Amino acid sequence: MKVSYCLLVLLFSFLTAVAQINPIPASTISTIQSFADENGIPSKRKLFQRNHGAIIGLQRGAATAVELGGEAHWRKLSLSNPNIVGASGNLEYNFGDHVMGYKAGMWMKRGRVNLTYGGNVVYFTDFKGQHQYGIGPSVGFRLLGFHLINGYNFLAGDKEMEKANTLHMTLRYYFPVQNKFTWDRKTMKKKAAKKKERAKRKKQRKKDNEDKKGLRKFIDLKL
């Protein structure tokens, strides 16, 4: 039990340091602020965010395990009804019993402070010829990159293998590696049309300047 508490303290210290050296970029704040027009009235435009990054976590059940993996998010940024969908793939390792687990799953969240709901497909091995596999529904709460998950694994396979967690709780932290923002299709079409119009005007100005230069050269030759 003392080992688990020490690991939790170390995990929180590490994650706090990561959060302090990775502040929210100003470009992201200005992008979110663009939801309102010049009069401060919320815009009907929809902004979508896609990002992927790494996850690190500590799982506690009948045994304690460390989780490492990757995660991707698809988020709709909205003032009224935001939502996010996440997909993750990770491994967990129980150092005490030397059990390795592999997970792949998805989860979703609607609203700002609502719970997350998801599920995983799981596979465990003890490296001694015994294996277990199954599915694991989960429910959790996510805030500021931290994701507290409570889940249960329904397992089949070698019943003699009793070292894989069934009922468990996991605390994860997600730190993004890459962020991309895109508007909805209607807004993207308008932006593409404006970009095309700007390129057309730029091309026309360049042509006019070349014509003026050619005319000046012709006049200089005549003189």
C-alpha atoms as a PDB file:
ATOM      1  CA  MET A   1       0.000   0.000   0.000  1.00  0.00           C
ATOM      2  CA  LYS A   2       2.845   2.410   0.848  1.00  0.00           C
ATOM      3  CA  VAL A   3       4.400   1.694  -2.540  1.00  0.00           C
ATOM      4  CA  SER A   4       1.133   2.650  -4.272  1.00  0.00           C
ATOM      5  CA  TYR A   5       0.946   5.938  -2.350  1.00  0.00           C
ATOM      6  CA  CYS A   6       4.555   6.754  -3.262  1.00  0.00           C
ATOM      7  CA  LEU A   7       3.863   6.041  -6.919  1.00  0.00           C
ATOM      8  CA  LEU A   8       0.800   8.305  -6.827  1.00  0.00           C
ATOM      9  CA  VAL A   9       2.805  11.162  -5.290  1.00  0.00           C
ATOM     10  CA  LEU A  10       5.569  10.781  -7.873  1.00  0.00           C
ATOM     11  CA  LEU A  11       3.011  10.634 -10.698  1.00  0.00           C
ATOM     12  CA  PHE A  12       1.254  13.816  -9.552  1.00  0.00           C
ATOM     13  CA  SER A  13       4.596  15.624  -9.160  1.00  0.00           C
ATOM     14  CA  PHE A  14       5.665  14.646 -12.659  1.00  0.00           C
ATOM     15  CA  LEU A  15       2.354  15.636 -14.236  1.00  0.00           C
ATOM     16  CA  THR A  16       2.293  18.977 -12.447  1.00  0.00           C
ATOM     17  CA  ALA A  17       5.762  19.756 -13.811  1.00  0.00           C
ATOM     18  CA  VAL A  18       4.658  18.799 -17.327  1.00  0.00           C
ATOM     19  CA  ALA A  19       1.602  21.037 -17.075  1.00  0.00           C
ATOM     20  CA  GLN A  20       3.737  23.981 -15.926  1.00  0.00           C
ATOM     21  CA  ILE A  21       6.188  23.723 -18.821  1.00  0.00           C
ATOM     22  CA  ASN A  22       3.457  23.230 -21.403  1.00  0.00           C
ATOM     23  CA  PRO A  23       1.096  26.235 -21.056  1.00  0.00           C
ATOM     24  CA  ILE A  24      -1.839  26.741 -23.388  1.00  0.00           C
ATOM     25  CA  PRO A  25      -0.533  28.525 -26.527  1.00  0.00           C
ATOM     26  CA  ALA A  26      -1.870  32.001 -27.312  1.00  0.00           C
ATOM     27  CA  SER A  27      -2.896  30.839 -30.804  1.00  0.00           C
ATOM     28  CA  THR A  28      -5.312  28.325 -29.259  1.00  0.00           C
ATOM     29  CA  ILE A  29      -6.877  30.999 -27.045  1.00  0.00           C
ATOM     30  CA  SER A  30      -7.307  33.387 -29.980  1.00  0.00           C
ATOM     31  CA  THR A  31      -8.845  30.604 -32.062  1.00  0.00           C
ATOM     32  CA  ILE A  32     -11.421  29.828 -29.383  1.00  0.00           C
ATOM     33  CA  GLN A  33     -12.201  33.533 -28.987  1.00  0.00           C
ATOM     34  CA  SER A  34     -13.056  33.699 -32.704  1.00  0.00           C
ATOM     35  CA  PHE A  35     -16.396  32.035 -31.911  1.00  0.00           C
ATOM     36  CA  ALA A  36     -17.769  35.539 -31.280  1.00  0.00           C
ATOM     37  CA  ASP A  37     -18.171  38.160 -33.985  1.00  0.00           C
ATOM     38  CA  GLU A  38     -17.200  41.854 -33.733  1.00  0.00           C
ATOM     39  CA  ASN A  39     -20.293  42.625 -31.632  1.00  0.00           C
ATOM     40  CA  GLY A  40     -19.559  39.815 -29.161  1.00  0.00           C
ATOM     41  CA  ILE A  41     -22.464  37.705 -30.418  1.00  0.00           C
ATOM     42  CA  PRO A  42     -21.696  33.947 -30.584  1.00  0.00           C
ATOM     43  CA  SER A  43     -21.050  32.750 -34.144  1.00  0.00           C
ATOM     44  CA  LYS A  44     -22.773  29.785 -35.767  1.00  0.00           C
ATOM     45  CA  ARG A  45     -19.475  28.502 -37.034  1.00  0.00           C
ATOM     46  CA  LYS A  46     -18.243  25.194 -35.622  1.00  0.00           C
ATOM     47  CA  LEU A  47     -14.618  24.615 -34.746  1.00  0.00           C
ATOM     48  CA  PHE A  48     -13.185  21.099 -34.591  1.00  0.00           C
ATOM     49  CA  GLN A  49      -9.957  20.074 -32.905  1.00  0.00           C
ATOM     50  CA  ARG A  50      -7.918  16.978 -33.628  1.00  0.00           C
ATOM     51  CA  ASN A  51      -4.916  16.039 -31.548  1.00  0.00           C
ATOM     52  CA  HIS A  52      -2.873  13.061 -30.501  1.00  0.00           C
ATOM     53  CA  GLY A  53      -0.368  12.470 -27.756  1.00  0.00           C
ATOM     54  CA  ALA A  54       0.887  10.173 -25.013  1.00  0.00           C
ATOM     55  CA  ILE A  55      -0.782   8.869 -21.868  1.00  0.00           C
ATOM     56  CA  ILE A  56       0.731   7.719 -18.606  1.00  0.00           C
ATOM     57  CA  GLY A  57      -1.274   6.256 -15.775  1.00  0.00           C
ATOM     58  CA  LEU A  58      -1.432   4.241 -12.596  1.00  0.00           C
ATOM     59  CA  GLN A  59      -4.002   1.448 -12.231  1.00  0.00           C
ATOM     60  CA  ARG A  60      -5.167   0.019  -8.939  1.00  0.00           C
ATOM     61  CA  GLY A  61      -7.220  -3.114  -8.445  1.00  0.00           C
ATOM     62  CA  ALA A  62      -6.328  -6.470  -6.990  1.00  0.00           C
ATOM     63  CA  ALA A  63      -2.857  -5.572  -8.256  1.00  0.00           C
ATOM     64  CA  THR A  64      -1.079  -2.321  -9.105  1.00  0.00           C
ATOM     65  CA  ALA A  65      -0.011  -1.669 -12.687  1.00  0.00           C
ATOM     66  CA  VAL A  66       1.585   1.161 -14.644  1.00  0.00           C
ATOM     67  CA  GLU A  67       0.028   2.230 -17.959  1.00  0.00           C
ATOM     68  CA  LEU A  68       1.798   3.714 -20.981  1.00  0.00           C
ATOM     69  CA  GLY A  69       0.367   4.387 -24.417  1.00  0.00           C
ATOM     70  CA  GLY A  70      -1.025   6.829 -26.949  1.00  0.00           C
ATOM     71  CA  GLU A  71      -4.347   8.552 -27.442  1.00  0.00           C
ATOM     72  CA  ALA A  72      -6.112  10.593 -30.134  1.00  0.00           C
ATOM     73  CA  HIS A  73      -8.949  13.070 -29.661  1.00  0.00           C
ATOM     74  CA  TRP A  74     -11.648  14.449 -31.948  1.00  0.00           C
ATOM     75  CA  ARG A  75     -13.314  17.430 -30.308  1.00  0.00           C
ATOM     76  CA  LYS A  76     -16.099  19.840 -31.277  1.00  0.00           C
ATOM     77  CA  LEU A  77     -15.516  23.178 -29.582  1.00  0.00           C
ATOM     78  CA  SER A  78     -18.834  24.839 -28.847  1.00  0.00           C
ATOM     79  CA  LEU A  79     -20.206  27.307 -26.325  1.00  0.00           C
ATOM     80  CA  SER A  80     -23.407  25.316 -25.822  1.00  0.00           C
ATOM     81  CA  ASN A  81     -22.814  21.602 -26.447  1.00  0.00           C
ATOM     82  CA  PRO A  82     -19.152  20.606 -26.792  1.00  0.00           C
ATOM     83  CA  ASN A  83     -18.218  16.961 -27.177  1.00  0.00           C
ATOM     84  CA  ILE A  84     -15.101  14.866 -27.473  1.00  0.00           C
ATOM     85  CA  VAL A  85     -14.340  11.350 -28.703  1.00  0.00           C
ATOM     86  CA  GLY A  86     -11.112   9.608 -27.770  1.00  0.00           C
ATOM     87  CA  ALA A  87      -9.353   6.475 -29.010  1.00  0.00           C
ATOM     88  CA  SER A  88      -6.489   4.922 -27.078  1.00  0.00           C
ATOM     89  CA  GLY A  89      -4.046   2.065 -27.300  1.00  0.00           C
ATOM     90  CA  ASN A  90      -1.856   1.236 -24.345  1.00  0.00           C
ATOM     91  CA  LEU A  91      -0.095  -1.448 -22.381  1.00  0.00           C
ATOM     92  CA  GLU A  92      -0.101  -2.050 -18.653  1.00  0.00           C
ATOM     93  CA  TYR A  93       2.453  -3.929 -16.633  1.00  0.00           C
ATOM     94  CA  ASN A  94       2.123  -5.425 -13.167  1.00  0.00           C
ATOM     95  CA  PHE A  95       5.663  -5.457 -11.782  1.00  0.00           C
ATOM     96  CA  GLY A  96       4.759  -7.563  -8.760  1.00  0.00           C
ATOM     97  CA  ASP A  97       3.204 -10.484 -10.669  1.00  0.00           C
ATOM     98  CA  HIS A  98       4.896  -9.844 -14.057  1.00  0.00           C
ATOM     99  CA  VAL A  99       1.636  -9.666 -16.005  1.00  0.00           C
ATOM    100  CA  MET A 100       1.463  -7.679 -19.237  1.00  0.00           C
ATOM    101  CA  GLY A 101      -1.815  -6.346 -20.573  1.00  0.00           C
ATOM    102  CA  TYR A 102      -2.710  -4.747 -23.903  1.00  0.00           C
ATOM    103  CA  LYS A 103      -5.750  -2.506 -24.404  1.00  0.00           C
ATOM    104  CA  ALA A 104      -7.450  -0.774 -27.303  1.00  0.00           C
ATOM    105  CA  GLY A 105     -10.616   1.199 -26.822  1.00  0.00           C
ATOM    106  CA  MET A 106     -12.702   4.313 -27.272  1.00  0.00           C
ATOM    107  CA  TRP A 107     -14.586   6.725 -25.032  1.00  0.00           C
ATOM    108  CA  MET A 108     -16.768   9.789 -25.439  1.00  0.00           C
ATOM    109  CA  LYS A 109     -17.922  12.773 -23.429  1.00  0.00           C
ATOM    110  CA  ARG A 110     -20.726  15.288 -24.050  1.00  0.00           C
ATOM    111  CA  GLY A 111     -20.907  18.610 -22.260  1.00  0.00           C
ATOM    112  CA  ARG A 112     -18.325  20.309 -20.079  1.00  0.00           C
ATOM    113  CA  VAL A 113     -18.452  18.480 -16.752  1.00  0.00           C
ATOM    114  CA  ASN A 114     -20.235  15.265 -17.708  1.00  0.00           C
ATOM    115  CA  LEU A 115     -18.852  11.749 -17.283  1.00  0.00           C
ATOM    116  CA  THR A 116     -16.970   9.814 -19.933  1.00  0.00           C
ATOM    117  CA  TYR A 117     -18.277   6.473 -21.200  1.00  0.00           C
ATOM    118  CA  GLY A 118     -16.216   3.929 -23.081  1.00  0.00           C
ATOM    119  CA  GLY A 119     -14.973   0.408 -23.482  1.00  0.00           C
ATOM    120  CA  ASN A 120     -11.868  -1.633 -24.309  1.00  0.00           C
ATOM    121  CA  VAL A 121     -10.805  -4.934 -25.737  1.00  0.00           C
ATOM    122  CA  VAL A 122      -8.126  -6.436 -23.499  1.00  0.00           C
ATOM    123  CA  TYR A 123      -5.497  -9.166 -23.595  1.00  0.00           C
ATOM    124  CA  PHE A 124      -3.293 -10.350 -20.724  1.00  0.00           C
ATOM    125  CA  THR A 125      -0.350 -12.727 -20.545  1.00  0.00           C
ATOM    126  CA  ASP A 126       1.916 -13.849 -17.713  1.00  0.00           C
ATOM    127  CA  PHE A 127       4.709 -14.970 -20.100  1.00  0.00           C
ATOM    128  CA  LYS A 128       4.289 -18.551 -18.833  1.00  0.00           C
ATOM    129  CA  GLY A 129       1.807 -19.802 -21.401  1.00  0.00           C
ATOM    130  CA  GLN A 130      -1.341 -18.502 -19.685  1.00  0.00           C
ATOM    131  CA  HIS A 131      -3.543 -15.915 -21.385  1.00  0.00           C
ATOM    132  CA  GLN A 132      -6.782 -14.064 -20.787  1.00  0.00           C
ATOM    133  CA  TYR A 133      -8.810 -11.816 -23.063  1.00  0.00           C
ATOM    134  CA  GLY A 134     -12.115 -10.007 -23.022  1.00  0.00           C
ATOM    135  CA  ILE A 135     -13.922  -6.675 -22.998  1.00  0.00           C
ATOM    136  CA  GLY A 136     -13.996  -3.915 -20.398  1.00  0.00           C
ATOM    137  CA  PRO A 137     -16.690  -1.225 -20.148  1.00  0.00           C
ATOM    138  CA  SER A 138     -15.713   1.884 -18.204  1.00  0.00           C
ATOM    139  CA  VAL A 139     -17.002   5.173 -16.858  1.00  0.00           C
ATOM    140  CA  GLY A 140     -14.871   8.096 -15.771  1.00  0.00           C
ATOM    141  CA  PHE A 141     -14.363  11.797 -15.245  1.00  0.00           C
ATOM    142  CA  ARG A 142     -11.948  13.927 -17.260  1.00  0.00           C
ATOM    143  CA  LEU A 143     -10.631  17.402 -16.413  1.00  0.00           C
ATOM    144  CA  LEU A 144      -7.520  19.359 -17.448  1.00  0.00           C
ATOM    145  CA  GLY A 145      -5.821  16.353 -19.018  1.00  0.00           C
ATOM    146  CA  PHE A 146      -6.455  14.072 -16.045  1.00  0.00           C
ATOM    147  CA  HIS A 147      -8.793  11.116 -16.628  1.00  0.00           C
ATOM    148  CA  LEU A 148     -10.058   9.092 -13.666  1.00  0.00           C
ATOM    149  CA  ILE A 149     -11.513   5.811 -14.956  1.00  0.00           C
ATOM    150  CA  ASN A 150     -13.440   3.096 -13.172  1.00  0.00           C
ATOM    151  CA  GLY A 151     -13.824  -0.119 -15.184  1.00  0.00           C
ATOM    152  CA  TYR A 152     -14.445  -3.828 -15.083  1.00  0.00           C
ATOM    153  CA  ASN A 153     -12.860  -6.495 -17.289  1.00  0.00           C
ATOM    154  CA  PHE A 154     -14.985  -9.474 -18.325  1.00  0.00           C
ATOM    155  CA  LEU A 155     -12.313 -12.072 -19.014  1.00  0.00           C
ATOM    156  CA  ALA A 156     -12.170 -15.467 -20.668  1.00  0.00           C
ATOM    157  CA  GLY A 157      -9.264 -17.838 -21.206  1.00  0.00           C
ATOM    158  CA  ASP A 158      -7.080 -19.580 -18.661  1.00  0.00           C
ATOM    159  CA  LYS A 159      -8.954 -19.526 -15.365  1.00  0.00           C
ATOM    160  CA  GLU A 160      -5.776 -20.474 -13.503  1.00  0.00           C
ATOM    161  CA  MET A 161      -4.426 -17.027 -14.294  1.00  0.00           C
ATOM    162  CA  GLU A 162      -5.775 -14.835 -11.487  1.00  0.00           C
ATOM    163  CA  LYS A 163      -3.309 -11.963 -11.663  1.00  0.00           C
ATOM    164  CA  ALA A 164      -5.129  -9.724 -14.145  1.00  0.00           C
ATOM    165  CA  ASN A 165      -7.318  -6.976 -12.689  1.00  0.00           C
ATOM    166  CA  THR A 166     -11.065  -7.250 -13.153  1.00  0.00           C
ATOM    167  CA  LEU A 167     -12.545  -4.368 -11.129  1.00  0.00           C
ATOM    168  CA  HIS A 168     -10.046  -1.514 -11.241  1.00  0.00           C
ATOM    169  CA  MET A 169      -9.558   2.248 -11.084  1.00  0.00           C
ATOM    170  CA  THR A 170      -7.046   4.156 -13.198  1.00  0.00           C
ATOM    171  CA  LEU A 171      -5.706   7.696 -13.074  1.00  0.00           C
ATOM    172  CA  ARG A 172      -4.284   8.812 -16.420  1.00  0.00           C
ATOM    173  CA  TYR A 173      -2.734  11.997 -17.701  1.00  0.00           C
ATOM    174  CA  TYR A 174      -2.731  12.985 -21.371  1.00  0.00           C
ATOM    175  CA  PHE A 175      -0.309  15.466 -22.882  1.00  0.00           C
ATOM    176  CA  PRO A 176      -0.805  16.311 -26.578  1.00  0.00           C
ATOM    177  CA  VAL A 177       1.995  16.154 -29.114  1.00  0.00           C
ATOM    178  CA  GLN A 178       0.165  17.769 -32.026  1.00  0.00           C
ATOM    179  CA  ASN A 179      -2.976  19.920 -32.306  1.00  0.00           C
ATOM    180  CA  LYS A 180      -4.947  20.767 -35.443  1.00  0.00           C
ATOM    181  CA  PHE A 181      -7.989  23.019 -35.755  1.00  0.00           C
ATOM    182  CA  THR A 182     -10.477  22.921 -38.629  1.00  0.00           C
ATOM    183  CA  TRP A 183     -13.779  24.674 -39.233  1.00  0.00           C
ATOM    184  CA  ASP A 184     -17.007  23.078 -40.409  1.00  0.00           C
ATOM    185  CA  ARG A 185     -17.469  22.467 -44.146  1.00  0.00           C
ATOM    186  CA  LYS A 186     -19.553  25.577 -44.787  1.00  0.00           C
ATOM    187  CA  THR A 187     -16.994  27.842 -43.150  1.00  0.00           C
ATOM    188  CA  MET A 188     -14.122  26.040 -44.869  1.00  0.00           C
ATOM    189  CA  LYS A 189     -15.771  26.621 -48.269  1.00  0.00           C
ATOM    190  CA  LYS A 190     -16.110  30.336 -47.506  1.00  0.00           C
ATOM    191  CA  LYS A 191     -12.486  30.504 -46.395  1.00  0.00           C
ATOM    192  CA  ALA A 192     -11.358  28.646 -49.551  1.00  0.00           C
ATOM    193  CA  ALA A 193     -13.350  31.053 -51.738  1.00  0.00           C
ATOM    194  CA  LYS A 194     -11.790  34.071 -49.994  1.00  0.00           C
ATOM    195  CA  LYS A 195      -8.318  32.557 -50.331  1.00  0.00           C
ATOM    196  CA  LYS A 196      -8.919  31.943 -54.030  1.00  0.00           C
ATOM    197  CA  GLU A 197     -10.122  35.525 -54.493  1.00  0.00           C
ATOM    198  CA  ARG A 198      -7.041  36.904 -52.708  1.00  0.00           C
ATOM    199  CA  ALA A 199      -4.762  34.797 -54.885  1.00  0.00           C
ATOM    200  CA  LYS A 200      -6.582  36.056 -57.987  1.00  0.00           C
ATOM    201  CA  ARG A 201      -6.153  39.699 -56.941  1.00  0.00           C
ATOM    202  CA  LYS A 202      -2.488  39.123 -56.108  1.00  0.00           C
ATOM    203  CA  LYS A 203      -1.926  37.585 -59.538  1.00  0.00           C
ATOM    204  CA  GLN A 204      -3.676  40.527 -61.194  1.00  0.00           C
ATOM    205  CA  ARG A 205      -1.581  43.075 -59.280  1.00  0.00           C
ATOM    206  CA  LYS A 206       1.586  41.235 -60.275  1.00  0.00           C
ATOM    207  CA  LYS A 207       0.507  41.292 -63.919  1.00  0.00           C
ATOM    208  CA  ASP A 208      -0.299  45.012 -63.751  1.00  0.00           C
ATOM    209  CA  ASN A 209       3.108  45.752 -62.238  1.00  0.00           C
ATOM    210  CA  GLU A 210       4.835  43.762 -64.987  1.00  0.00           C
ATOM    211  CA  ASP A 211       2.853  45.679 -67.639  1.00  0.00           C
ATOM    212  CA  LYS A 212       3.866  48.999 -66.049  1.00  0.00           C
ATOM    213  CA  LYS A 213       7.524  47.961 -65.988  1.00  0.00           C
ATOM    214  CA  GLY A 214       7.332  46.891 -69.633  1.00  0.00           C
ATOM    215  CA  LEU A 215       5.758  50.201 -70.622  1.00  0.00           C
ATOM    216  CA  ARG A 216       8.449  52.152 -68.784  1.00  0.00           C
ATOM    217  CA  LYS A 217      11.212  50.203 -70.554  1.00  0.00           C
ATOM    218  CA  PHE A 218       9.551  50.864 -73.905  1.00  0.00           C
ATOM    219  CA  ILE A 219       9.348  54.627 -73.176  1.00  0.00           C
ATOM    220  CA  ASP A 220      12.998  54.711 -72.061  1.00  0.00           C
ATOM    221  CA  LEU A 221      14.070  53.041 -75.304  1.00  0.00           C
ATOM    222  CA  LYS A 222      12.096  55.572 -77.350  1.00  0.00           C
ATOM    223  CA  LEU A 223      13.736  58.443 -75.502  1.00  0.00           C
END
